Amino acid sequence: MSEVSGKTVFVTGASQGIGEATARLLAHEGARVVLFARSTAKIDAIARDIGENALAISGDVASWADVAKAMAEAERHFGPVDILINNAGMIDPIGMMNTSDPQAWGQAIDVNTKGVYYGMRAAIPRMEARGSGTVITISSGAAHNALEGWSAYCTSKAGTAMLTSAAHLESGGKGVRIMGFSPGTVATQMQKEIKSSGINAVSQLDWEDHHPVDVPARILLWMCGSDADDYLGQEVHHADEDVRTRAGISV
């Protein structure tokens, strides 16, 4: 039996891509999944497809009120949230910093960094009180390396990586498992947006160069279990041979 069976998992950005694939896989493995995203119609359809073990809650990760309300609603419906997967993120705005739109640049920080903080702020106190729980945040190689045209994304993901480290420092000794996950380039809508920009080397990759969404979903499933405890407080990388082997992905 999977270690996620019977557990409640809250997935942000669950309307498409990695979030949707992960929610579907975890539900297949017996978890109760909460799909949180702004796209009401999309998450409603996914929840209907999954069945009674899925709950769709629409809201914006960039709004503390929305996140706090959603977390409370999830716990009323399914009971304590055992696992939080901070997946929601955006690549826009892509472009040079000296011509960037300040409002759009700030929105990336609101979603990619503050949205992760809001999820942690809503979930971790409950987890600490119970002495158990898992928080996984989707990171990126862009958190550690500047890329032309991606100043907002790189900065926001760097902040997210530090948030994950800070959360582990503060809550890791209180029974909360906290990790980051860098999934590499994945065949999602985000990669289509990157491709159309024509900016930096990532936009030059072919679609076949990106791995399918089931790969990060399967690694995230493994990270939810005790076999991944060797990586607590760290950033797990999809390309790590040990990670892929332990997650059951051919290397």
Protein backbone atom coordinates (compact mmCIF):
# COMPACT_ATOMS: atom_id res chain seq x y z
CA MET A 1 0.00 0.00 0.00
CA SER A 2 1.27 3.47 -0.91
CA GLU A 3 2.36 5.74 1.94
CA VAL A 4 -0.01 8.44 0.64
CA SER A 5 -3.05 6.18 0.90
CA GLY A 6 -5.66 7.76 3.17
CA LYS A 7 -3.74 11.02 3.46
CA THR A 8 -5.00 14.45 2.47
CA VAL A 9 -2.84 16.29 -0.06
CA PHE A 10 -3.28 19.98 -0.93
CA VAL A 11 -1.90 20.79 -4.40
CA THR A 12 -1.61 24.37 -5.62
CA GLY A 13 -1.62 25.13 -9.34
CA ALA A 14 -3.56 21.90 -9.85
CA SER A 15 -5.42 22.91 -13.03
CA GLN A 16 -2.72 21.72 -15.45
CA GLY A 17 0.82 20.49 -15.90
CA ILE A 18 2.76 19.09 -12.95
CA GLY A 19 0.02 19.99 -10.49
CA GLU A 20 -2.72 18.15 -12.34
CA ALA A 21 -0.54 15.10 -13.06
CA THR A 22 0.54 14.90 -9.42
CA ALA A 23 -3.00 15.24 -8.08
CA ARG A 24 -4.21 12.48 -10.39
CA LEU A 25 -1.34 10.15 -9.49
CA LEU A 26 -1.69 10.68 -5.74
CA ALA A 27 -5.44 10.09 -5.95
CA HIS A 28 -4.75 6.88 -7.88
CA GLU A 29 -2.46 5.86 -5.02
CA GLY A 30 -5.28 6.33 -2.49
CA ALA A 31 -4.82 9.92 -1.33
CA ARG A 32 -7.57 12.46 -0.88
CA VAL A 33 -6.56 15.39 -3.05
CA VAL A 34 -7.46 19.06 -2.82
CA LEU A 35 -7.02 20.89 -6.11
CA PHE A 36 -6.39 24.61 -5.64
CA ALA A 37 -6.15 27.01 -8.59
CA ARG A 38 -7.78 30.08 -10.13
CA SER A 39 -9.22 28.10 -13.06
CA THR A 40 -12.51 26.98 -11.51
CA ALA A 41 -13.85 25.13 -14.53
CA LYS A 42 -10.62 23.18 -15.03
CA ILE A 43 -10.20 21.99 -11.45
CA ASP A 44 -13.92 21.19 -11.18
CA ALA A 45 -13.61 18.95 -14.24
CA ILE A 46 -10.47 17.24 -12.90
CA ALA A 47 -12.12 16.66 -9.52
CA ARG A 48 -15.19 15.14 -11.16
CA ASP A 49 -12.94 12.87 -13.19
CA ILE A 50 -11.01 11.72 -10.11
CA GLY A 51 -14.15 11.14 -8.06
CA GLU A 52 -15.12 11.40 -4.41
CA ASN A 53 -11.52 11.59 -3.20
CA ALA A 54 -10.99 14.96 -4.88
CA LEU A 55 -12.10 18.43 -3.84
CA ALA A 56 -11.72 21.50 -6.07
CA ILE A 57 -11.30 24.87 -4.38
CA SER A 58 -10.80 27.92 -6.54
CA GLY A 59 -8.61 30.76 -5.37
CA ASP A 60 -5.40 32.69 -5.91
CA VAL A 61 -2.15 31.66 -4.22
CA ALA A 62 -1.17 35.33 -4.29
CA SER A 63 -4.00 36.07 -1.84
CA TRP A 64 -3.43 35.16 1.81
CA ALA A 65 -7.18 35.28 2.44
CA ASP A 66 -7.83 32.81 -0.38
CA VAL A 67 -5.14 30.39 0.77
CA ALA A 68 -6.14 30.50 4.44
CA LYS A 69 -9.80 29.98 3.55
CA ALA A 70 -8.99 27.10 1.21
CA MET A 71 -6.83 25.33 3.78
CA ALA A 72 -9.62 25.60 6.36
CA GLU A 73 -12.18 24.32 3.84
CA ALA A 74 -9.93 21.40 2.91
CA GLU A 75 -9.62 20.35 6.55
CA ARG A 76 -13.37 20.65 7.11
CA HIS A 77 -14.01 18.40 4.14
CA PHE A 78 -11.23 15.80 4.41
CA GLY A 79 -9.65 16.34 7.81
CA PRO A 80 -6.07 17.45 8.51
CA VAL A 81 -3.92 18.27 5.48
CA ASP A 82 -1.01 15.84 5.67
CA ILE A 83 0.88 17.00 2.57
CA LEU A 84 1.20 20.41 0.92
CA ILE A 85 2.65 20.59 -2.58
CA ASN A 86 3.48 24.20 -3.42
CA ASN A 87 3.36 23.88 -7.18
CA ALA A 88 1.68 27.04 -8.49
CA GLY A 89 4.03 29.25 -10.47
CA MET A 90 4.35 31.52 -13.48
CA ILE A 91 7.15 32.32 -15.93
CA ASP A 92 5.88 35.75 -17.04
CA PRO A 93 7.10 38.38 -17.51
CA ILE A 94 9.81 37.23 -19.90
CA GLY A 95 11.94 40.11 -21.13
CA MET A 96 14.81 42.37 -20.28
CA MET A 97 14.74 43.95 -16.84
CA ASN A 98 15.35 47.47 -18.17
CA THR A 99 12.11 47.37 -20.19
CA SER A 100 10.04 45.24 -17.81
CA ASP A 101 6.57 46.13 -16.55
CA PRO A 102 6.94 46.73 -12.78
CA GLN A 103 3.41 45.50 -12.07
CA ALA A 104 3.90 42.26 -14.00
CA TRP A 105 7.33 41.77 -12.40
CA GLY A 106 5.80 42.14 -8.95
CA GLN A 107 3.02 39.70 -9.81
CA ALA A 108 5.61 36.98 -10.38
CA ILE A 109 6.93 37.58 -6.87
CA ASP A 110 3.37 37.50 -5.51
CA VAL A 111 2.65 34.11 -7.10
CA ASN A 112 5.99 32.32 -7.05
CA THR A 113 7.32 33.48 -3.68
CA LYS A 114 4.55 34.97 -1.57
CA GLY A 115 2.20 32.23 -2.74
CA VAL A 116 4.59 29.61 -1.37
CA TYR A 117 4.90 31.50 1.91
CA TYR A 118 1.11 31.71 2.21
CA GLY A 119 0.79 27.95 1.71
CA MET A 120 3.43 27.27 4.33
CA ARG A 121 1.92 29.79 6.73
CA ALA A 122 -1.48 28.14 6.44
CA ALA A 123 -0.31 24.51 6.68
CA ILE A 124 2.78 24.36 8.89
CA PRO A 125 1.26 25.52 12.21
CA ARG A 126 -1.35 22.77 11.89
CA MET A 127 1.34 20.22 11.04
CA GLU A 128 3.54 21.29 13.95
CA ALA A 129 0.60 20.95 16.33
CA ARG A 130 0.11 17.36 15.15
CA GLY A 131 3.83 16.61 14.99
CA SER A 132 3.63 15.40 11.41
CA GLY A 133 3.24 16.60 7.84
CA THR A 134 5.07 17.09 4.56
CA VAL A 135 5.68 20.30 2.60
CA ILE A 136 7.22 20.09 -0.87
CA THR A 137 7.92 23.21 -2.92
CA ILE A 138 8.57 23.19 -6.65
CA SER A 139 11.90 24.89 -7.24
CA SER A 140 13.95 25.35 -10.42
CA GLY A 141 17.50 25.48 -11.66
CA ALA A 142 16.63 29.15 -12.26
CA ALA A 143 16.67 29.63 -8.48
CA HIS A 144 20.45 29.28 -8.55
CA ASN A 145 21.46 30.55 -11.99
CA ALA A 146 20.53 33.83 -13.65
CA LEU A 147 19.02 33.50 -17.12
CA GLU A 148 18.60 36.30 -19.62
CA GLY A 149 15.06 37.66 -19.67
CA TRP A 150 14.01 35.75 -16.59
CA SER A 151 14.87 38.22 -13.82
CA ALA A 152 11.42 37.90 -12.21
CA TYR A 153 11.32 34.12 -12.42
CA CYS A 154 14.89 33.59 -11.23
CA THR A 155 14.48 36.03 -8.35
CA SER A 156 11.15 34.58 -7.25
CA LYS A 157 12.42 31.01 -7.40
CA ALA A 158 15.56 31.96 -5.47
CA GLY A 159 13.28 33.37 -2.77
CA THR A 160 11.25 30.18 -2.81
CA ALA A 161 14.36 28.06 -2.36
CA MET A 162 15.35 30.14 0.66
CA LEU A 163 11.82 29.92 2.08
CA THR A 164 12.08 26.14 1.90
CA SER A 165 15.42 26.15 3.72
CA ALA A 166 14.07 28.52 6.38
CA ALA A 167 10.96 26.41 6.89
CA HIS A 168 13.07 23.29 7.36
CA LEU A 169 15.31 25.09 9.84
CA GLU A 170 12.34 26.26 11.89
CA SER A 171 9.96 23.30 11.59
CA GLY A 172 12.02 20.28 10.58
CA GLY A 173 12.62 19.39 14.22
CA LYS A 174 8.89 19.50 14.97
CA GLY A 175 7.87 16.57 12.82
CA VAL A 176 7.37 18.45 9.55
CA ARG A 177 9.14 17.01 6.49
CA ILE A 178 10.20 19.89 4.20
CA MET A 179 11.93 19.64 0.83
CA GLY A 180 12.27 21.41 -2.49
CA PHE A 181 12.04 19.74 -5.89
CA SER A 182 13.69 20.94 -9.08
CA PRO A 183 11.87 19.12 -11.91
CA GLY A 184 14.00 20.24 -14.85
CA THR A 185 12.28 21.18 -18.09
CA VAL A 186 8.85 19.58 -18.36
CA ALA A 187 6.46 19.44 -21.32
CA THR A 188 3.88 21.93 -20.00
CA GLN A 189 2.22 25.17 -21.07
CA MET A 190 5.07 27.08 -19.42
CA GLN A 191 7.53 25.62 -21.91
CA LYS A 192 5.30 26.76 -24.77
CA GLU A 193 5.43 30.30 -23.38
CA ILE A 194 9.21 30.08 -23.04
CA LYS A 195 9.52 28.77 -26.61
CA SER A 196 7.45 31.60 -28.04
CA SER A 197 9.60 34.21 -26.28
CA GLY A 198 12.74 33.24 -28.20
CA ILE A 199 14.82 34.49 -25.27
CA ASN A 200 17.79 32.52 -23.80
CA ALA A 201 18.87 28.97 -24.49
CA VAL A 202 15.86 27.30 -22.89
CA SER A 203 13.60 28.72 -25.59
CA GLN A 204 15.72 26.97 -28.21
CA LEU A 205 14.98 23.49 -26.87
CA ASP A 206 12.72 21.23 -28.89
CA TRP A 207 9.51 19.86 -27.37
CA GLU A 208 11.05 16.39 -27.35
CA ASP A 209 13.83 17.68 -25.07
CA HIS A 210 11.35 18.13 -22.21
CA HIS A 211 10.29 15.14 -20.14
CA PRO A 212 6.58 14.36 -19.69
CA VAL A 213 4.62 15.43 -16.61
CA ASP A 214 4.42 11.89 -15.25
CA VAL A 215 8.15 11.99 -14.40
CA PRO A 216 7.96 14.83 -11.83
CA ALA A 217 4.65 13.46 -10.58
CA ARG A 218 6.24 10.09 -9.81
CA ILE A 219 9.19 11.74 -8.07
CA LEU A 220 6.82 13.86 -5.99
CA LEU A 221 4.93 10.69 -5.00
CA TRP A 222 8.22 9.18 -3.82
CA MET A 223 9.11 12.37 -1.94
CA CYS A 224 5.88 12.05 0.04
CA GLY A 225 7.14 8.79 1.53
CA SER A 226 9.72 7.92 4.15
CA ASP A 227 12.28 6.63 1.64
CA ALA A 228 12.95 10.27 0.72
CA ASP A 229 13.84 11.25 4.30
CA ASP A 230 17.52 11.31 3.34
CA TYR A 231 16.71 14.49 1.41
CA LEU A 232 14.86 16.44 4.11
CA GLY A 233 15.78 20.11 4.03
CA GLN A 234 17.36 19.73 0.61
CA GLU A 235 16.43 20.42 -2.98
CA VAL A 236 15.79 17.18 -4.83
CA HIS A 237 16.82 17.19 -8.51
CA HIS A 238 15.07 15.14 -11.17
CA ALA A 239 18.39 14.38 -12.87
CA ASP A 240 19.91 12.83 -9.73
CA GLU A 241 20.43 9.16 -10.56
CA ASP A 242 19.74 8.08 -6.97
CA VAL A 243 16.47 10.01 -6.92
CA ARG A 244 15.28 8.57 -10.21
CA THR A 245 16.21 5.03 -9.21
CA ARG A 246 14.46 5.26 -5.85
CA ALA A 247 11.41 6.81 -7.48
CA GLY A 248 11.27 3.92 -9.95
CA ILE A 249 12.16 5.94 -13.04
CA SER A 250 14.57 4.47 -15.57
CA VAL A 251 17.84 6.42 -15.67
